[in-house]
Protein backbone atom coordinates (compact mmCIF):
# COMPACT_ATOMS: atom_id res chain seq x y z
CA MET A 1 112.67 95.10 77.52
CA SER A 2 116.10 94.08 76.07
CA ALA A 3 119.00 92.85 78.14
CA ALA A 4 120.91 96.24 77.65
CA ASP A 5 117.75 98.03 79.25
CA ARG A 6 118.11 95.63 82.19
CA SER A 7 121.84 96.00 82.75
CA PHE A 8 124.06 98.72 84.35
CA THR A 9 127.75 99.33 85.16
CA LEU A 10 129.31 101.14 87.87
CA THR A 11 132.99 101.97 88.21
CA ARG A 12 134.67 103.19 91.44
CA ASP A 13 138.31 104.08 91.73
CA LEU A 14 139.34 103.28 95.24
CA ALA A 15 142.39 104.21 97.19
CA ALA A 16 143.16 100.67 98.61
CA CYS A 17 144.85 97.73 97.19
CA PRO A 18 142.69 94.80 95.67
CA ALA A 19 143.23 92.58 98.68
CA GLU A 20 141.78 95.31 100.93
CA VAL A 21 138.72 95.93 98.72
CA PHE A 22 138.09 92.17 98.05
CA ALA A 23 138.45 91.69 101.96
CA CYS A 24 135.29 94.12 102.43
CA TRP A 25 133.17 91.67 100.45
CA ALA A 26 134.68 88.30 101.68
CA GLU A 27 134.79 89.10 105.56
CA ALA A 28 131.62 89.17 107.42
CA GLU A 29 132.47 92.07 109.60
CA LYS A 30 133.88 94.25 106.91
CA LYS A 31 130.94 93.50 104.62
CA ARG A 32 128.47 94.22 107.56
CA ALA A 33 130.11 97.64 108.00
CA TRP A 34 129.23 99.09 104.65
CA PHE A 35 126.50 96.61 103.30
CA VAL A 36 124.31 96.62 106.39
CA ASP A 37 125.31 98.92 109.22
CA SER A 38 125.27 101.85 106.86
CA ASP A 39 121.54 102.00 106.64
CA GLY A 40 120.12 105.22 106.77
CA PRO A 41 117.53 106.90 109.14
CA GLY A 42 114.30 104.76 109.65
CA TRP A 43 115.91 101.43 108.49
CA GLU A 44 116.19 98.55 110.93
CA THR A 45 118.25 95.25 110.19
CA ARG A 46 116.08 92.32 111.35
CA ALA A 47 118.58 89.51 110.11
CA TYR A 48 121.79 89.29 108.15
CA ALA A 49 124.22 86.33 107.34
CA LEU A 50 127.22 85.88 104.96
CA ASP A 51 128.64 82.53 104.02
CA PHE A 52 131.29 83.74 101.37
CA ARG A 53 132.36 80.75 99.21
CA VAL A 54 131.24 79.44 95.87
CA GLY A 55 127.83 77.92 96.47
CA GLY A 56 127.45 79.95 99.71
CA THR A 57 124.76 82.44 100.56
CA GLU A 58 124.25 85.87 101.82
CA THR A 59 120.86 86.91 103.16
CA GLY A 60 119.43 90.08 104.86
CA SER A 61 116.13 91.29 106.11
CA PHE A 62 115.71 95.21 106.52
CA GLU A 63 112.92 97.07 107.51
CA LEU A 64 111.87 100.72 106.46
CA LYS A 65 109.53 101.96 109.16
CA GLU A 66 107.68 104.66 107.14
CA GLY A 67 107.61 106.79 103.93
CA PRO A 68 107.95 105.73 100.37
CA GLY A 69 109.15 102.11 100.10
CA ALA A 70 108.16 101.30 103.88
CA GLY A 71 108.06 97.74 104.65
CA VAL A 72 110.33 94.60 104.91
CA HIS A 73 112.91 94.36 102.31
CA GLU A 74 114.92 90.95 101.67
CA ASN A 75 117.50 89.62 99.76
CA ALA A 76 118.83 86.34 98.98
CA THR A 77 122.33 85.87 97.20
CA THR A 78 124.22 82.92 96.04
CA PHE A 79 127.89 83.15 95.14
CA LEU A 80 128.57 81.55 91.76
CA VAL A 81 132.33 82.48 91.15
CA ILE A 82 135.05 83.73 93.56
CA GLU A 83 138.43 84.54 92.21
CA PRO A 84 140.18 86.24 95.31
CA GLU A 85 141.27 89.79 94.63
CA ARG A 86 139.95 89.70 91.05
CA ARG A 87 136.45 88.59 90.62
CA ILE A 88 132.92 87.86 92.28
CA ASP A 89 129.87 86.83 90.46
CA PHE A 90 126.78 86.29 92.27
CA ALA A 91 122.93 85.89 91.70
CA TYR A 92 120.45 87.47 94.03
CA THR A 93 116.69 88.21 94.43
CA MET A 94 115.11 91.14 96.08
CA ALA A 95 111.80 91.01 97.95
CA MET A 96 109.35 93.35 99.49
CA ASN A 97 106.88 92.16 102.26
CA GLY A 98 107.62 88.54 101.05
CA ARG A 99 107.03 89.06 97.43
CA VAL A 100 110.13 88.51 95.11
CA HIS A 101 110.14 91.48 92.60
CA SER A 102 113.58 91.26 90.85
CA ALA A 103 116.26 88.49 90.28
CA SER A 104 119.75 89.70 89.30
CA LEU A 105 123.07 88.26 88.02
CA ALA A 106 126.07 90.45 89.18
CA THR A 107 129.77 90.48 88.43
CA VAL A 108 132.31 92.40 90.49
CA THR A 109 135.89 92.76 89.35
CA PHE A 110 138.99 94.22 90.97
CA GLU A 111 141.94 95.63 88.91
CA GLU A 112 145.03 96.96 90.43
CA THR A 113 145.87 100.50 89.47
CA GLY A 114 148.73 102.71 90.05
CA ASP A 115 146.74 104.36 93.13
CA GLY A 116 144.61 101.44 94.40
CA THR A 117 141.91 99.41 92.71
CA ARG A 118 139.55 100.00 90.03
CA LEU A 119 136.19 98.30 91.04
CA VAL A 120 133.79 97.53 88.23
CA PHE A 121 130.24 96.23 89.24
CA THR A 122 127.83 95.24 86.39
CA GLU A 123 124.40 93.60 87.06
CA THR A 124 121.81 92.36 84.69
CA LEU A 125 118.19 92.39 86.39
CA ALA A 126 114.80 90.67 85.77
CA GLU A 127 111.93 92.18 87.07
CA ILE A 128 109.11 90.08 88.46
CA GLY A 129 105.94 91.93 88.51
CA GLU A 130 105.95 95.56 89.96
CA SER A 131 109.45 96.40 90.88
CA ASP A 132 111.72 99.53 91.32
CA GLY A 133 113.69 98.08 88.32
CA VAL A 134 117.07 99.11 87.01
CA ASN A 135 117.00 102.46 88.30
CA GLY A 136 116.19 101.14 91.93
CA ARG A 137 118.94 98.49 91.75
CA ARG A 138 121.41 101.14 90.29
CA GLY A 139 120.62 103.73 93.03
CA GLY A 140 121.00 101.02 95.81
CA TRP A 141 124.44 100.04 94.63
CA GLU A 142 125.61 103.45 93.98
CA GLY A 143 124.71 104.13 97.72
CA LEU A 144 126.29 100.94 98.64
CA LEU A 145 129.53 101.41 96.82
CA GLY A 146 129.74 104.89 98.46
CA HIS A 147 129.57 103.27 101.86
CA LEU A 148 132.19 100.69 100.90
CA GLU A 149 134.37 103.74 99.88
CA THR A 150 133.75 105.60 103.23
CA CYS A 151 134.56 102.33 105.02
CA LEU A 152 137.75 101.90 103.16
CA ASN A 153 138.73 105.55 103.71
CA GLY A 154 138.07 105.21 107.49
CA GLU A 155 140.14 102.11 107.77
CA MET A 156 142.86 103.67 106.04
CA THR A 157 142.80 106.63 108.47
CA ASP A 158 142.64 104.61 111.53
CA GLY A 159 145.42 102.18 110.29
């Protein structure tokens, strides 16, 4: 499998300034709102922690009680580059029931546009044994970025 087959890019145009969008990645309460608390039916958060700084970590443990993919899913992230309101690079692994099945390098960029922010998320994935692969990661991040957009819209309505 080539690097191109293991990579994907997602782009979102968000109706919020780069500072607001970046804060949703950097501030634990805001990150939790779209990354953790937006879990769908059947999901339970077992643990979550965010230490947002270069060399810092983000960890989460989430359990899907039944159905396809049922089990304990865990992520372990290390932040490599943080340029406030411009860029975040991080490496992370995903595990299911204690077995790491993928490792990824991801970059998120924030570009000011006339109407808000263009967020570009790019990930390159290495599968380790049986994994849901690039399609699983892409689908997961599409959902998460949708939750981010919903949270930003909700904050803008409330404030």
